[in-house]
Amino acid sequence: MSKKAKQADRDKYFDAAFAALMDNEGGYANDPDDPGGETKYGISQKSYPDLDIAALTEEDVKAIYRKDFWDALSLSEVTTPDIAGEVFDTAVNMGKRTAAVIAQKALKYLGEDLKVDGIIGPKTLAALNRWGEQDPRALFVCLNGFQFIEYTAIINSKPALEQYGRGWTRRIQEYRGVKL
């Protein structure tokens, strides 16, 4: 398979990852206890103060997620769809830098020599791809484990957010990867 064909296949991963993500993201909400404020499909007023959140369409959100999350994290370069989708889902829920840190911590736990800097660069991509080929399940479980640890730290630092703990745990538990 040519390099161009492989890249085209990986670009299809975004559509599948977006579909899986939308299973976890609700419609419109304006929960006064949510630090993100008004949200729709996971896009928050806090992160996008100039957008009319209530008027967002699914296509609007898809374009935002593609540019600001998937492309920003170079996830089209990740060769295993489930791993790319997991990092994407985490980035949407916890932020890009946090998702990158979680990926790097998981890879370090598995024995990779990486700097935990919150940037998915060439070394992190190579390690994600190496583990995606040699033992994707181990990497997937480690990503989820470090995501859970991060949720615990959030609740420990802001006990008022404990009300979201069950939903965050369910998000980890129910995310099964992408369907191509």
N, C-alpha and C. Protein backbone atom coordinates (compact mmCIF):
# COMPACT_ATOMS: atom_id res chain seq x y z
N MET A 1 0.85 -1.17 0.00
CA MET A 1 0.00 0.00 0.00
C MET A 1 0.90 1.24 0.00
N SER A 2 0.57 2.18 -0.83
CA SER A 2 1.38 3.41 -0.93
C SER A 2 1.21 4.27 0.32
N LYS A 3 2.17 5.16 0.51
CA LYS A 3 2.11 6.07 1.66
C LYS A 3 0.86 6.94 1.60
N LYS A 4 0.49 7.36 0.38
CA LYS A 4 -0.70 8.20 0.20
C LYS A 4 -1.98 7.42 0.55
N ALA A 5 -2.04 6.16 0.16
CA ALA A 5 -3.21 5.33 0.46
C ALA A 5 -3.32 5.08 1.97
N LYS A 6 -2.16 4.84 2.61
CA LYS A 6 -2.17 4.63 4.05
C LYS A 6 -2.67 5.89 4.77
N GLN A 7 -2.23 7.05 4.29
CA GLN A 7 -2.67 8.31 4.91
C GLN A 7 -4.17 8.51 4.71
N ALA A 8 -4.67 8.16 3.52
CA ALA A 8 -6.11 8.29 3.26
C ALA A 8 -6.90 7.38 4.20
N ASP A 9 -6.38 6.18 4.43
CA ASP A 9 -7.05 5.28 5.38
C ASP A 9 -7.07 5.89 6.78
N ARG A 10 -5.94 6.47 7.19
CA ARG A 10 -5.87 7.06 8.52
C ARG A 10 -6.78 8.28 8.64
N ASP A 11 -6.97 9.00 7.54
CA ASP A 11 -7.89 10.14 7.58
C ASP A 11 -9.32 9.68 7.83
N LYS A 12 -9.63 8.45 7.42
CA LYS A 12 -10.96 7.88 7.69
C LYS A 12 -11.15 7.64 9.18
N TYR A 13 -10.03 7.49 9.90
CA TYR A 13 -10.11 7.26 11.34
C TYR A 13 -10.83 8.41 12.03
N PHE A 14 -10.63 9.62 11.53
CA PHE A 14 -11.27 10.76 12.19
C PHE A 14 -12.78 10.60 12.19
N ASP A 15 -13.37 10.25 11.05
CA ASP A 15 -14.83 10.10 10.99
C ASP A 15 -15.30 9.05 11.99
N ALA A 16 -14.57 7.94 12.08
CA ALA A 16 -14.94 6.88 13.02
C ALA A 16 -14.75 7.34 14.46
N ALA A 17 -13.66 8.05 14.73
CA ALA A 17 -13.40 8.55 16.08
C ALA A 17 -14.44 9.59 16.48
N PHE A 18 -14.83 10.43 15.53
CA PHE A 18 -15.86 11.43 15.81
C PHE A 18 -17.18 10.75 16.16
N ALA A 19 -17.55 9.71 15.40
CA ALA A 19 -18.79 8.99 15.67
C ALA A 19 -18.75 8.37 17.08
N ALA A 20 -17.61 7.77 17.45
CA ALA A 20 -17.48 7.18 18.79
C ALA A 20 -17.56 8.27 19.86
N LEU A 21 -16.94 9.40 19.60
CA LEU A 21 -16.95 10.52 20.54
C LEU A 21 -18.38 11.00 20.78
N MET A 22 -19.15 11.11 19.72
CA MET A 22 -20.51 11.62 19.85
C MET A 22 -21.40 10.71 20.69
N ASP A 23 -21.00 9.43 20.82
CA ASP A 23 -21.73 8.53 21.72
C ASP A 23 -21.56 8.97 23.17
N ASN A 24 -20.46 9.69 23.47
CA ASN A 24 -20.18 10.14 24.84
C ASN A 24 -20.60 11.58 25.11
N GLU A 25 -20.76 12.36 24.08
CA GLU A 25 -21.07 13.78 24.25
C GLU A 25 -22.57 14.01 24.10
N GLY A 26 -23.11 14.75 25.01
CA GLY A 26 -24.53 15.04 24.96
C GLY A 26 -24.84 16.24 24.08
N GLY A 27 -26.10 16.56 24.02
CA GLY A 27 -26.54 17.74 23.28
C GLY A 27 -26.29 19.00 24.10
N TYR A 28 -27.20 19.91 24.03
CA TYR A 28 -27.06 21.19 24.71
C TYR A 28 -27.25 21.03 26.21
N ALA A 29 -26.39 21.71 26.99
CA ALA A 29 -26.52 21.74 28.45
C ALA A 29 -25.99 23.08 28.96
N ASN A 30 -26.58 23.55 30.04
CA ASN A 30 -26.10 24.76 30.68
C ASN A 30 -26.14 24.52 32.19
N ASP A 31 -25.30 23.60 32.64
CA ASP A 31 -25.21 23.19 34.03
C ASP A 31 -24.39 24.23 34.80
N PRO A 32 -24.98 24.92 35.77
CA PRO A 32 -24.24 25.95 36.50
C PRO A 32 -23.04 25.40 37.28
N ASP A 33 -23.02 24.09 37.54
CA ASP A 33 -21.90 23.48 38.26
C ASP A 33 -20.77 23.04 37.33
N ASP A 34 -21.03 23.03 36.03
CA ASP A 34 -20.01 22.61 35.06
C ASP A 34 -19.03 23.76 34.84
N PRO A 35 -17.74 23.55 35.12
CA PRO A 35 -16.76 24.63 34.94
C PRO A 35 -16.66 25.13 33.49
N GLY A 36 -17.08 24.30 32.53
CA GLY A 36 -17.06 24.72 31.13
C GLY A 36 -18.20 25.65 30.76
N GLY A 37 -19.19 25.73 31.64
CA GLY A 37 -20.35 26.56 31.35
C GLY A 37 -21.26 25.90 30.33
N GLU A 38 -21.88 26.72 29.53
CA GLU A 38 -22.79 26.25 28.49
C GLU A 38 -22.01 25.35 27.52
N THR A 39 -22.59 24.18 27.19
CA THR A 39 -21.93 23.25 26.27
C THR A 39 -22.94 22.65 25.30
N LYS A 40 -22.41 22.23 24.17
CA LYS A 40 -23.18 21.46 23.21
C LYS A 40 -22.22 20.54 22.48
N TYR A 41 -22.55 19.24 22.47
CA TYR A 41 -21.69 18.22 21.85
C TYR A 41 -20.25 18.30 22.37
N GLY A 42 -20.09 18.74 23.62
CA GLY A 42 -18.77 18.81 24.22
C GLY A 42 -18.02 20.10 23.98
N ILE A 43 -18.55 20.99 23.18
CA ILE A 43 -17.92 22.29 22.94
C ILE A 43 -18.44 23.25 24.01
N SER A 44 -17.51 23.85 24.76
CA SER A 44 -17.93 24.70 25.88
C SER A 44 -17.76 26.19 25.58
N GLN A 45 -18.62 26.97 26.22
CA GLN A 45 -18.54 28.42 26.11
C GLN A 45 -17.22 28.94 26.67
N LYS A 46 -16.73 28.28 27.72
CA LYS A 46 -15.47 28.71 28.31
C LYS A 46 -14.32 28.60 27.30
N SER A 47 -14.30 27.53 26.54
CA SER A 47 -13.23 27.32 25.55
C SER A 47 -13.46 28.10 24.26
N TYR A 48 -14.70 28.36 23.94
CA TYR A 48 -15.05 29.06 22.69
C TYR A 48 -16.01 30.21 23.01
N PRO A 49 -15.52 31.25 23.67
CA PRO A 49 -16.39 32.33 24.14
C PRO A 49 -17.08 33.12 23.03
N ASP A 50 -16.57 33.06 21.81
CA ASP A 50 -17.16 33.83 20.72
C ASP A 50 -18.21 33.05 19.92
N LEU A 51 -18.43 31.79 20.27
CA LEU A 51 -19.40 30.98 19.54
C LEU A 51 -20.77 31.03 20.20
N ASP A 52 -21.81 30.95 19.39
CA ASP A 52 -23.17 30.77 19.89
C ASP A 52 -23.34 29.28 20.12
N ILE A 53 -23.08 28.83 21.33
CA ILE A 53 -23.05 27.41 21.65
C ILE A 53 -24.38 26.73 21.33
N ALA A 54 -25.48 27.36 21.69
CA ALA A 54 -26.79 26.76 21.48
C ALA A 54 -27.08 26.52 20.00
N ALA A 55 -26.51 27.33 19.12
CA ALA A 55 -26.79 27.23 17.69
C ALA A 55 -25.86 26.26 16.95
N LEU A 56 -24.87 25.70 17.63
CA LEU A 56 -23.93 24.81 16.96
C LEU A 56 -24.63 23.60 16.36
N THR A 57 -24.22 23.24 15.17
CA THR A 57 -24.71 22.01 14.55
C THR A 57 -23.65 20.93 14.72
N GLU A 58 -24.02 19.71 14.48
CA GLU A 58 -23.06 18.61 14.56
C GLU A 58 -21.93 18.81 13.54
N GLU A 59 -22.25 19.33 12.37
CA GLU A 59 -21.21 19.59 11.36
C GLU A 59 -20.26 20.70 11.82
N ASP A 60 -20.78 21.73 12.49
CA ASP A 60 -19.91 22.78 13.05
C ASP A 60 -18.92 22.16 14.03
N VAL A 61 -19.45 21.34 14.91
CA VAL A 61 -18.65 20.71 15.96
C VAL A 61 -17.61 19.78 15.34
N LYS A 62 -18.01 19.05 14.31
CA LYS A 62 -17.07 18.13 13.65
C LYS A 62 -15.88 18.90 13.08
N ALA A 63 -16.14 20.04 12.49
CA ALA A 63 -15.05 20.86 11.92
C ALA A 63 -14.14 21.39 13.04
N ILE A 64 -14.72 21.80 14.15
CA ILE A 64 -13.93 22.28 15.29
C ILE A 64 -13.06 21.15 15.84
N TYR A 65 -13.66 19.99 16.03
CA TYR A 65 -12.90 18.87 16.57
C TYR A 65 -11.78 18.43 15.62
N ARG A 66 -12.05 18.47 14.33
CA ARG A 66 -11.01 18.07 13.36
C ARG A 66 -9.81 19.01 13.46
N LYS A 67 -10.08 20.31 13.40
CA LYS A 67 -8.99 21.30 13.37
C LYS A 67 -8.31 21.46 14.73
N ASP A 68 -9.11 21.66 15.76
CA ASP A 68 -8.56 22.05 17.06
C ASP A 68 -8.11 20.88 17.94
N PHE A 69 -8.51 19.67 17.61
CA PHE A 69 -8.13 18.53 18.42
C PHE A 69 -7.38 17.47 17.60
N TRP A 70 -8.05 16.89 16.62
CA TRP A 70 -7.46 15.79 15.83
C TRP A 70 -6.20 16.26 15.11
N ASP A 71 -6.32 17.32 14.31
CA ASP A 71 -5.16 17.81 13.57
C ASP A 71 -4.11 18.41 14.49
N ALA A 72 -4.55 19.13 15.52
CA ALA A 72 -3.61 19.77 16.46
C ALA A 72 -2.74 18.73 17.17
N LEU A 73 -3.26 17.52 17.37
CA LEU A 73 -2.51 16.46 18.03
C LEU A 73 -1.86 15.49 17.04
N SER A 74 -1.97 15.78 15.74
CA SER A 74 -1.38 14.93 14.68
C SER A 74 -1.90 13.49 14.74
N LEU A 75 -3.17 13.32 15.07
CA LEU A 75 -3.71 11.98 15.25
C LEU A 75 -3.86 11.20 13.95
N SER A 76 -3.82 11.88 12.80
CA SER A 76 -3.82 11.15 11.53
C SER A 76 -2.51 10.39 11.34
N GLU A 77 -1.51 10.73 12.13
CA GLU A 77 -0.22 10.03 12.06
C GLU A 77 -0.19 8.78 12.93
N VAL A 78 -1.21 8.59 13.76
CA VAL A 78 -1.28 7.40 14.62
C VAL A 78 -1.88 6.28 13.78
N THR A 79 -1.17 5.16 13.70
CA THR A 79 -1.55 4.09 12.77
C THR A 79 -2.61 3.13 13.30
N THR A 80 -2.91 3.18 14.58
CA THR A 80 -3.92 2.29 15.16
C THR A 80 -5.17 3.11 15.48
N PRO A 81 -6.28 2.84 14.80
CA PRO A 81 -7.48 3.66 14.98
C PRO A 81 -7.96 3.77 16.42
N ASP A 82 -7.94 2.67 17.16
CA ASP A 82 -8.44 2.71 18.54
C ASP A 82 -7.57 3.60 19.43
N ILE A 83 -6.29 3.60 19.18
CA ILE A 83 -5.39 4.43 19.98
C ILE A 83 -5.60 5.90 19.62
N ALA A 84 -5.67 6.21 18.34
CA ALA A 84 -5.94 7.59 17.91
C ALA A 84 -7.27 8.07 18.48
N GLY A 85 -8.29 7.21 18.41
CA GLY A 85 -9.61 7.56 18.93
C GLY A 85 -9.61 7.78 20.43
N GLU A 86 -8.87 6.97 21.15
CA GLU A 86 -8.80 7.11 22.62
C GLU A 86 -8.13 8.42 23.00
N VAL A 87 -7.02 8.76 22.36
CA VAL A 87 -6.34 10.02 22.66
C VAL A 87 -7.25 11.20 22.31
N PHE A 88 -7.96 11.10 21.19
CA PHE A 88 -8.89 12.13 20.75
C PHE A 88 -10.02 12.33 21.77
N ASP A 89 -10.63 11.23 22.20
CA ASP A 89 -11.72 11.30 23.17
C ASP A 89 -11.24 11.95 24.47
N THR A 90 -10.05 11.57 24.91
CA THR A 90 -9.50 12.15 26.13
C THR A 90 -9.23 13.64 25.95
N ALA A 91 -8.71 14.02 24.79
CA ALA A 91 -8.42 15.43 24.53
C ALA A 91 -9.69 16.27 24.57
N VAL A 92 -10.74 15.77 23.98
CA VAL A 92 -12.00 16.51 23.97
C VAL A 92 -12.53 16.67 25.39
N ASN A 93 -12.43 15.63 26.20
CA ASN A 93 -12.99 15.67 27.54
C ASN A 93 -12.10 16.37 28.55
N MET A 94 -10.77 16.28 28.36
CA MET A 94 -9.85 16.78 29.39
C MET A 94 -8.89 17.86 28.90
N GLY A 95 -8.87 18.09 27.60
CA GLY A 95 -7.95 19.06 27.04
C GLY A 95 -6.81 18.38 26.29
N LYS A 96 -6.30 19.07 25.28
CA LYS A 96 -5.24 18.49 24.44
C LYS A 96 -3.97 18.22 25.22
N ARG A 97 -3.55 19.18 26.02
CA ARG A 97 -2.29 19.00 26.75
C ARG A 97 -2.42 17.82 27.72
N THR A 98 -3.54 17.74 28.43
CA THR A 98 -3.75 16.63 29.37
C THR A 98 -3.74 15.30 28.64
N ALA A 99 -4.39 15.22 27.48
CA ALA A 99 -4.40 13.98 26.71
C ALA A 99 -2.99 13.59 26.29
N ALA A 100 -2.20 14.57 25.89
CA ALA A 100 -0.81 14.29 25.50
C ALA A 100 0.01 13.81 26.70
N VAL A 101 -0.18 14.46 27.85
CA VAL A 101 0.52 14.05 29.06
C VAL A 101 0.13 12.62 29.44
N ILE A 102 -1.16 12.31 29.39
CA ILE A 102 -1.63 10.96 29.70
C ILE A 102 -1.00 9.95 28.74
N ALA A 103 -0.97 10.25 27.46
CA ALA A 103 -0.35 9.35 26.48
C ALA A 103 1.13 9.14 26.81
N GLN A 104 1.83 10.21 27.12
CA GLN A 104 3.25 10.10 27.43
C GLN A 104 3.49 9.33 28.73
N LYS A 105 2.67 9.55 29.74
CA LYS A 105 2.81 8.79 30.99
C LYS A 105 2.54 7.30 30.75
N ALA A 106 1.53 7.00 29.95
CA ALA A 106 1.22 5.60 29.64
C ALA A 106 2.38 4.94 28.90
N LEU A 107 2.95 5.65 27.95
CA LEU A 107 4.07 5.11 27.19
C LEU A 107 5.31 4.94 28.07
N LYS A 108 5.55 5.90 28.95
CA LYS A 108 6.68 5.77 29.89
C LYS A 108 6.47 4.56 30.80
N TYR A 109 5.25 4.37 31.26
CA TYR A 109 4.93 3.22 32.11
C TYR A 109 5.25 1.91 31.37
N LEU A 110 5.02 1.91 30.08
CA LEU A 110 5.30 0.73 29.26
C LEU A 110 6.77 0.60 28.88
N GLY A 111 7.58 1.55 29.32
CA GLY A 111 9.02 1.43 29.10
C GLY A 111 9.64 2.36 28.08
N GLU A 112 8.84 3.25 27.51
CA GLU A 112 9.37 4.18 26.52
C GLU A 112 10.16 5.30 27.21
N ASP A 113 11.22 5.74 26.58
CA ASP A 113 12.04 6.83 27.10
C ASP A 113 11.54 8.13 26.47
N LEU A 114 10.57 8.76 27.13
CA LEU A 114 9.94 9.98 26.62
C LEU A 114 9.95 11.07 27.67
N LYS A 115 10.00 12.28 27.21
CA LYS A 115 9.81 13.43 28.08
C LYS A 115 8.30 13.68 28.17
N VAL A 116 7.79 13.86 29.38
CA VAL A 116 6.37 14.17 29.57
C VAL A 116 6.24 15.68 29.52
N ASP A 117 5.96 16.17 28.30
CA ASP A 117 5.90 17.63 28.09
C ASP A 117 4.55 18.10 27.56
N GLY A 118 3.61 17.17 27.35
CA GLY A 118 2.29 17.55 26.87
C GLY A 118 2.23 17.90 25.39
N ILE A 119 3.27 17.50 24.65
CA ILE A 119 3.33 17.77 23.20
C ILE A 119 3.48 16.44 22.47
N ILE A 120 2.55 16.16 21.57
CA ILE A 120 2.67 14.93 20.78
C ILE A 120 3.51 15.27 19.55
N GLY A 121 4.79 15.00 19.70
CA GLY A 121 5.75 15.23 18.62
C GLY A 121 6.18 13.91 18.01
N PRO A 122 7.24 13.93 17.21
CA PRO A 122 7.69 12.72 16.50
C PRO A 122 8.01 11.53 17.42
N LYS A 123 8.63 11.78 18.57
CA LYS A 123 8.98 10.67 19.47
C LYS A 123 7.73 10.04 20.09
N THR A 124 6.79 10.87 20.50
CA THR A 124 5.55 10.34 21.07
C THR A 124 4.76 9.60 20.00
N LEU A 125 4.67 10.16 18.80
CA LEU A 125 3.96 9.48 17.71
C LEU A 125 4.60 8.13 17.40
N ALA A 126 5.93 8.09 17.34
CA ALA A 126 6.62 6.83 17.05
C ALA A 126 6.32 5.80 18.13
N ALA A 127 6.32 6.23 19.39
CA ALA A 127 6.03 5.31 20.49
C ALA A 127 4.57 4.84 20.46
N LEU A 128 3.64 5.75 20.17
CA LEU A 128 2.24 5.36 20.04
C LEU A 128 2.08 4.31 18.94
N ASN A 129 2.75 4.53 17.83
CA ASN A 129 2.65 3.59 16.71
C ASN A 129 3.33 2.26 17.03
N ARG A 130 4.45 2.30 17.71
CA ARG A 130 5.16 1.07 18.09
C ARG A 130 4.25 0.21 18.98
N TRP A 131 3.67 0.84 20.01
CA TRP A 131 2.80 0.10 20.91
C TRP A 131 1.48 -0.27 20.24
N GLY A 132 1.02 0.57 19.33
CA GLY A 132 -0.19 0.25 18.59
C GLY A 132 -0.02 -1.00 17.74
N GLU A 133 1.20 -1.27 17.32
CA GLU A 133 1.48 -2.48 16.54
C GLU A 133 1.81 -3.67 17.44
N GLN A 134 2.62 -3.46 18.49
CA GLN A 134 3.09 -4.60 19.27
C GLN A 134 2.11 -5.04 20.36
N ASP A 135 1.39 -4.10 20.98
CA ASP A 135 0.44 -4.47 22.03
C ASP A 135 -0.56 -3.34 22.26
N PRO A 136 -1.48 -3.15 21.32
CA PRO A 136 -2.43 -2.04 21.44
C PRO A 136 -3.31 -2.14 22.68
N ARG A 137 -3.63 -3.34 23.10
CA ARG A 137 -4.50 -3.49 24.28
C ARG A 137 -3.79 -2.97 25.53
N ALA A 138 -2.50 -3.29 25.68
CA ALA A 138 -1.75 -2.81 26.84
C ALA A 138 -1.72 -1.28 26.85
N LEU A 139 -1.49 -0.68 25.69
CA LEU A 139 -1.47 0.78 25.61
C LEU A 139 -2.85 1.36 25.92
N PHE A 140 -3.89 0.76 25.37
CA PHE A 140 -5.26 1.24 25.59
C PHE A 140 -5.59 1.21 27.09
N VAL A 141 -5.26 0.12 27.76
CA VAL A 141 -5.54 -0.01 29.19
C VAL A 141 -4.74 1.02 29.98
N CYS A 142 -3.48 1.22 29.61
CA CYS A 142 -2.66 2.22 30.31
C CYS A 142 -3.21 3.63 30.10
N LEU A 143 -3.63 3.94 28.89
CA LEU A 143 -4.23 5.25 28.63
C LEU A 143 -5.44 5.46 29.53
N ASN A 144 -6.30 4.45 29.63
CA ASN A 144 -7.48 4.56 30.48
C ASN A 144 -7.11 4.66 31.95
N GLY A 145 -6.09 3.93 32.37
CA GLY A 145 -5.66 3.99 33.77
C GLY A 145 -5.16 5.38 34.15
N PHE A 146 -4.33 5.96 33.30
CA PHE A 146 -3.83 7.30 33.61
C PHE A 146 -4.93 8.35 33.48
N GLN A 147 -5.91 8.10 32.62
CA GLN A 147 -7.06 9.01 32.54
C GLN A 147 -7.85 8.97 33.85
N PHE A 148 -8.05 7.78 34.38
CA PHE A 148 -8.75 7.64 35.66
C PHE A 148 -7.99 8.35 36.78
N ILE A 149 -6.68 8.20 36.80
CA ILE A 149 -5.85 8.87 37.81
C ILE A 149 -6.04 10.39 37.71
N GLU A 150 -6.09 10.90 36.50
CA GLU A 150 -6.28 12.35 36.30
C GLU A 150 -7.66 12.80 36.79
N TYR A 151 -8.69 12.00 36.50
CA TYR A 151 -10.02 12.35 37.01
C TYR A 151 -10.02 12.38 38.55
N THR A 152 -9.35 11.41 39.15
CA THR A 152 -9.26 11.36 40.61
C THR A 152 -8.57 12.61 41.15
N ALA A 153 -7.50 13.04 40.50
CA ALA A 153 -6.78 14.25 40.92
C ALA A 153 -7.68 15.48 40.80
N ILE A 154 -8.47 15.54 39.74
CA ILE A 154 -9.40 16.67 39.56
C ILE A 154 -10.38 16.73 40.72
N ILE A 155 -10.97 15.59 41.04
CA ILE A 155 -11.96 15.55 42.13
C ILE A 155 -11.30 15.85 43.47
N ASN A 156 -10.10 15.35 43.68
CA ASN A 156 -9.39 15.63 44.94
C ASN A 156 -9.09 17.12 45.10
N SER A 157 -8.81 17.79 43.99
CA SER A 157 -8.49 19.22 44.07
C SER A 157 -9.74 20.10 44.09
N LYS A 158 -10.85 19.58 43.54
CA LYS A 158 -12.11 20.33 43.51
C LYS A 158 -13.25 19.38 43.86
N PRO A 159 -13.46 19.13 45.14
CA PRO A 159 -14.47 18.15 45.56
C PRO A 159 -15.87 18.41 45.00
N ALA A 160 -16.20 19.64 44.66
CA ALA A 160 -17.53 19.93 44.10
C ALA A 160 -17.74 19.20 42.77
N LEU A 161 -16.65 18.81 42.11
CA LEU A 161 -16.77 18.11 40.82
C LEU A 161 -17.00 16.61 40.99
N GLU A 162 -17.08 16.15 42.22
CA GLU A 162 -17.31 14.73 42.48
C GLU A 162 -18.59 14.23 41.79
N GLN A 163 -19.54 15.13 41.63
CA GLN A 163 -20.81 14.75 40.98
C GLN A 163 -20.60 14.25 39.54
N TYR A 164 -19.46 14.57 38.93
CA TYR A 164 -19.18 14.13 37.56
C TYR A 164 -18.37 12.84 37.52
N GLY A 165 -17.91 12.37 38.68
CA GLY A 165 -17.03 11.20 38.74
C GLY A 165 -17.64 9.96 38.11
N ARG A 166 -18.89 9.70 38.41
CA ARG A 166 -19.53 8.50 37.85
C ARG A 166 -19.59 8.57 36.33
N GLY A 167 -19.94 9.73 35.79
CA GLY A 167 -20.00 9.89 34.33
C GLY A 167 -18.62 9.78 33.69
N TRP A 168 -17.61 10.34 34.34
CA TRP A 168 -16.25 10.22 33.81
C TRP A 168 -15.78 8.77 33.81
N THR A 169 -16.10 8.06 34.89
CA THR A 169 -15.73 6.65 34.96
C THR A 169 -16.47 5.85 33.89
N ARG A 170 -17.74 6.17 33.69
CA ARG A 170 -18.51 5.49 32.66
C ARG A 170 -17.90 5.75 31.28
N ARG A 171 -17.41 6.96 31.07
CA ARG A 171 -16.80 7.32 29.78
C ARG A 171 -15.60 6.40 29.51
N ILE A 172 -14.77 6.21 30.52
CA ILE A 172 -13.62 5.31 30.37
C ILE A 172 -14.08 3.89 30.13
N GLN A 173 -15.02 3.46 30.92
CA GLN A 173 -15.49 2.08 30.89
C GLN A 173 -16.18 1.73 29.57
N GLU A 174 -16.95 2.66 29.01
CA GLU A 174 -17.75 2.34 27.84
C GLU A 174 -17.05 2.59 26.52
N TYR A 175 -15.98 3.39 26.52
CA TYR A 175 -15.31 3.68 25.25
C TYR A 175 -14.60 2.42 24.79
N ARG A 176 -14.98 1.91 23.66
CA ARG A 176 -14.45 0.64 23.15
C ARG A 176 -13.59 0.83 21.90
N GLY A 177 -13.41 2.03 21.48
CA GLY A 177 -12.63 2.26 20.26
C GLY A 177 -13.52 2.67 19.11
N VAL A 178 -12.91 2.73 17.96
CA VAL A 178 -13.62 3.19 16.77
C VAL A 178 -14.10 2.03 15.94
N LYS A 179 -15.16 2.26 15.20
CA LYS A 179 -15.71 1.25 14.29
C LYS A 179 -15.49 1.74 12.87
N LEU A 180 -14.59 1.05 12.17
CA LEU A 180 -14.31 1.45 10.78
C LEU A 180 -15.25 0.77 9.81
